[in-house]
Amino acid sequence: EHNTEQIYNEIAYPLVEGVTEGYNGTIFAYGQTGSGKSFTMQGIVDPSTQKGIIPRAFEHIFESVQCAENAKFLVRASYLEIYNEDIRDLLGADTKQKLE
């Protein structure tokens, strides 16, 4: 009964806020095929309340970086899929390539 905006605000926002303070953070979406993991993570653009956790987190992080004074940032992100014991980086150049 929650939209992705509510999920982000309740669950991911505090984690991403910690990331902007220098801590590592992981959001782990786990569940059966068809349970809504990809939708929750990616979402859709319109309506904006259904934008996923990933675009919201990126906006949050880069807004914090833009507002910070006298600080340097290194932003690194990965989006891994584990399916049938195969691991793939969905942000990599070749999303079909299996990782070790």
C-alpha atoms as a PDB file:
ATOM      1  CA  GLU A   1       0.000   0.000   0.000  1.00  0.00           C
ATOM      2  CA  HIS A   2       3.050   2.286  -0.155  1.00  0.00           C
ATOM      3  CA  ASN A   3       4.348   4.155  -3.165  1.00  0.00           C
ATOM      4  CA  THR A   4       8.069   4.359  -3.911  1.00  0.00           C
ATOM      5  CA  GLU A   5       8.280   7.876  -2.474  1.00  0.00           C
ATOM      6  CA  GLN A   6       7.081   6.615   0.912  1.00  0.00           C
ATOM      7  CA  ILE A   7       9.408   3.615   0.770  1.00  0.00           C
ATOM      8  CA  TYR A   8      12.373   5.858  -0.046  1.00  0.00           C
ATOM      9  CA  ASN A   9      11.569   8.330   2.731  1.00  0.00           C
ATOM     10  CA  GLU A  10      11.080   5.650   5.380  1.00  0.00           C
ATOM     11  CA  ILE A  11      13.798   3.173   4.460  1.00  0.00           C
ATOM     12  CA  ALA A  12      16.401   4.513   2.032  1.00  0.00           C
ATOM     13  CA  TYR A  13      16.608   8.203   2.999  1.00  0.00           C
ATOM     14  CA  PRO A  14      18.415   7.590   6.325  1.00  0.00           C
ATOM     15  CA  LEU A  15      20.856   5.216   4.606  1.00  0.00           C
ATOM     16  CA  VAL A  16      21.620   7.670   1.801  1.00  0.00           C
ATOM     17  CA  GLU A  17      21.983  10.475   4.327  1.00  0.00           C
ATOM     18  CA  GLY A  18      24.669   8.356   6.026  1.00  0.00           C
ATOM     19  CA  VAL A  19      26.377   7.882   2.665  1.00  0.00           C
ATOM     20  CA  THR A  20      26.568  11.665   2.258  1.00  0.00           C
ATOM     21  CA  GLU A  21      28.365  11.731   5.624  1.00  0.00           C
ATOM     22  CA  GLY A  22      31.013   9.267   4.404  1.00  0.00           C
ATOM     23  CA  TYR A  23      29.610   5.874   5.356  1.00  0.00           C
ATOM     24  CA  ASN A  24      29.157   2.990   2.919  1.00  0.00           C
ATOM     25  CA  GLY A  25      25.592   1.980   2.199  1.00  0.00           C
ATOM     26  CA  THR A  26      23.817  -0.946   0.576  1.00  0.00           C
ATOM     27  CA  ILE A  27      20.211  -1.373  -0.423  1.00  0.00           C
ATOM     28  CA  PHE A  28      19.467  -5.055  -0.934  1.00  0.00           C
ATOM     29  CA  ALA A  29      16.247  -5.969  -2.734  1.00  0.00           C
ATOM     30  CA  TYR A  30      15.384  -9.630  -2.245  1.00  0.00           C
ATOM     31  CA  GLY A  31      12.323 -11.631  -3.159  1.00  0.00           C
ATOM     32  CA  GLN A  32      10.577 -13.904  -5.574  1.00  0.00           C
ATOM     33  CA  THR A  33      10.453 -13.208  -9.292  1.00  0.00           C
ATOM     34  CA  GLY A  34       7.616 -10.804 -10.015  1.00  0.00           C
ATOM     35  CA  SER A  35       7.401  -9.430  -6.472  1.00  0.00           C
ATOM     36  CA  GLY A  36       8.245  -5.831  -7.467  1.00  0.00           C
ATOM     37  CA  LYS A  37      11.970  -5.533  -6.713  1.00  0.00           C
ATOM     38  CA  SER A  38      12.905  -3.954 -10.055  1.00  0.00           C
ATOM     39  CA  PHE A  39       9.954  -1.587  -9.981  1.00  0.00           C
ATOM     40  CA  THR A  40      10.773  -0.470  -6.456  1.00  0.00           C
ATOM     41  CA  MET A  41      14.428   0.091  -7.350  1.00  0.00           C
ATOM     42  CA  GLN A  42      13.915   1.681 -10.809  1.00  0.00           C
ATOM     43  CA  GLY A  43      10.329   2.924 -10.742  1.00  0.00           C
ATOM     44  CA  ILE A  44       8.768   5.015 -13.469  1.00  0.00           C
ATOM     45  CA  VAL A  45       9.226   8.705 -14.272  1.00  0.00           C
ATOM     46  CA  ASP A  46       5.573   9.712 -14.268  1.00  0.00           C
ATOM     47  CA  PRO A  47       3.963  10.124 -11.794  1.00  0.00           C
ATOM     48  CA  SER A  48       6.944  11.345  -9.794  1.00  0.00           C
ATOM     49  CA  THR A  49       5.670   9.546  -6.675  1.00  0.00           C
ATOM     50  CA  GLN A  50       6.571   6.293  -8.478  1.00  0.00           C
ATOM     51  CA  LYS A  51      10.187   7.232  -9.230  1.00  0.00           C
ATOM     52  CA  GLY A  52      12.330   4.386  -7.876  1.00  0.00           C
ATOM     53  CA  ILE A  53      14.834   4.212  -5.049  1.00  0.00           C
ATOM     54  CA  ILE A  54      17.858   4.402  -7.392  1.00  0.00           C
ATOM     55  CA  PRO A  55      16.963   7.698  -9.116  1.00  0.00           C
ATOM     56  CA  ARG A  56      15.891   9.177  -5.769  1.00  0.00           C
ATOM     57  CA  ALA A  57      19.178   8.139  -4.151  1.00  0.00           C
ATOM     58  CA  PHE A  58      21.216   9.589  -7.033  1.00  0.00           C
ATOM     59  CA  GLU A  59      19.329  12.891  -6.789  1.00  0.00           C
ATOM     60  CA  HIS A  60      19.821  12.951  -3.020  1.00  0.00           C
ATOM     61  CA  ILE A  61      23.559  12.212  -3.251  1.00  0.00           C
ATOM     62  CA  PHE A  62      24.307  14.701  -6.031  1.00  0.00           C
ATOM     63  CA  GLU A  63      22.256  17.466  -4.392  1.00  0.00           C
ATOM     64  CA  SER A  64      24.312  16.938  -1.220  1.00  0.00           C
ATOM     65  CA  VAL A  65      27.566  17.000  -3.203  1.00  0.00           C
ATOM     66  CA  GLN A  66      26.512  20.168  -5.001  1.00  0.00           C
ATOM     67  CA  CYS A  67      25.659  21.938  -1.732  1.00  0.00           C
ATOM     68  CA  ALA A  68      28.810  20.870   0.133  1.00  0.00           C
ATOM     69  CA  GLU A  69      31.572  23.402   0.647  1.00  0.00           C
ATOM     70  CA  ASN A  70      35.274  22.631   1.108  1.00  0.00           C
ATOM     71  CA  ALA A  71      34.817  18.920   0.492  1.00  0.00           C
ATOM     72  CA  LYS A  72      35.777  16.401  -2.170  1.00  0.00           C
ATOM     73  CA  PHE A  73      33.651  13.416  -3.050  1.00  0.00           C
ATOM     74  CA  LEU A  74      34.205  10.121  -4.808  1.00  0.00           C
ATOM     75  CA  VAL A  75      30.893   8.595  -5.828  1.00  0.00           C
ATOM     76  CA  ARG A  76      30.880   4.953  -6.842  1.00  0.00           C
ATOM     77  CA  ALA A  77      27.772   2.886  -7.453  1.00  0.00           C
ATOM     78  CA  SER A  78      27.031  -0.653  -8.531  1.00  0.00           C
ATOM     79  CA  TYR A  79      23.752  -2.297  -9.372  1.00  0.00           C
ATOM     80  CA  LEU A  80      24.195  -6.052  -9.187  1.00  0.00           C
ATOM     81  CA  GLU A  81      21.765  -8.773 -10.122  1.00  0.00           C
ATOM     82  CA  ILE A  82      22.116 -12.271  -8.701  1.00  0.00           C
ATOM     83  CA  TYR A  83      19.951 -14.711 -10.640  1.00  0.00           C
ATOM     84  CA  ASN A  84      20.369 -18.499 -10.832  1.00  0.00           C
ATOM     85  CA  GLU A  85      23.738 -18.147  -9.085  1.00  0.00           C
ATOM     86  CA  ASP A  86      25.008 -15.769 -11.805  1.00  0.00           C
ATOM     87  CA  ILE A  87      26.091 -12.232 -10.888  1.00  0.00           C
ATOM     88  CA  ARG A  88      25.847  -9.368 -13.374  1.00  0.00           C
ATOM     89  CA  ASP A  89      26.577  -5.645 -13.022  1.00  0.00           C
ATOM     90  CA  LEU A  90      23.548  -3.871 -14.474  1.00  0.00           C
ATOM     91  CA  LEU A  91      25.481  -0.571 -14.660  1.00  0.00           C
ATOM     92  CA  GLY A  92      28.454  -2.128 -16.463  1.00  0.00           C
ATOM     93  CA  ALA A  93      29.313  -1.703 -20.128  1.00  0.00           C
ATOM     94  CA  ASP A  94      28.155  -5.265 -20.881  1.00  0.00           C
ATOM     95  CA  THR A  95      25.154  -6.113 -18.698  1.00  0.00           C
ATOM     96  CA  LYS A  96      25.125  -9.703 -20.015  1.00  0.00           C
ATOM     97  CA  GLN A  97      28.682 -10.405 -18.806  1.00  0.00           C
ATOM     98  CA  LYS A  98      28.805 -12.626 -15.723  1.00  0.00           C
ATOM     99  CA  LEU A  99      31.037 -11.555 -12.842  1.00  0.00           C
ATOM    100  CA  GLU A 100      33.276 -13.855 -10.821  1.00  0.00           C
END
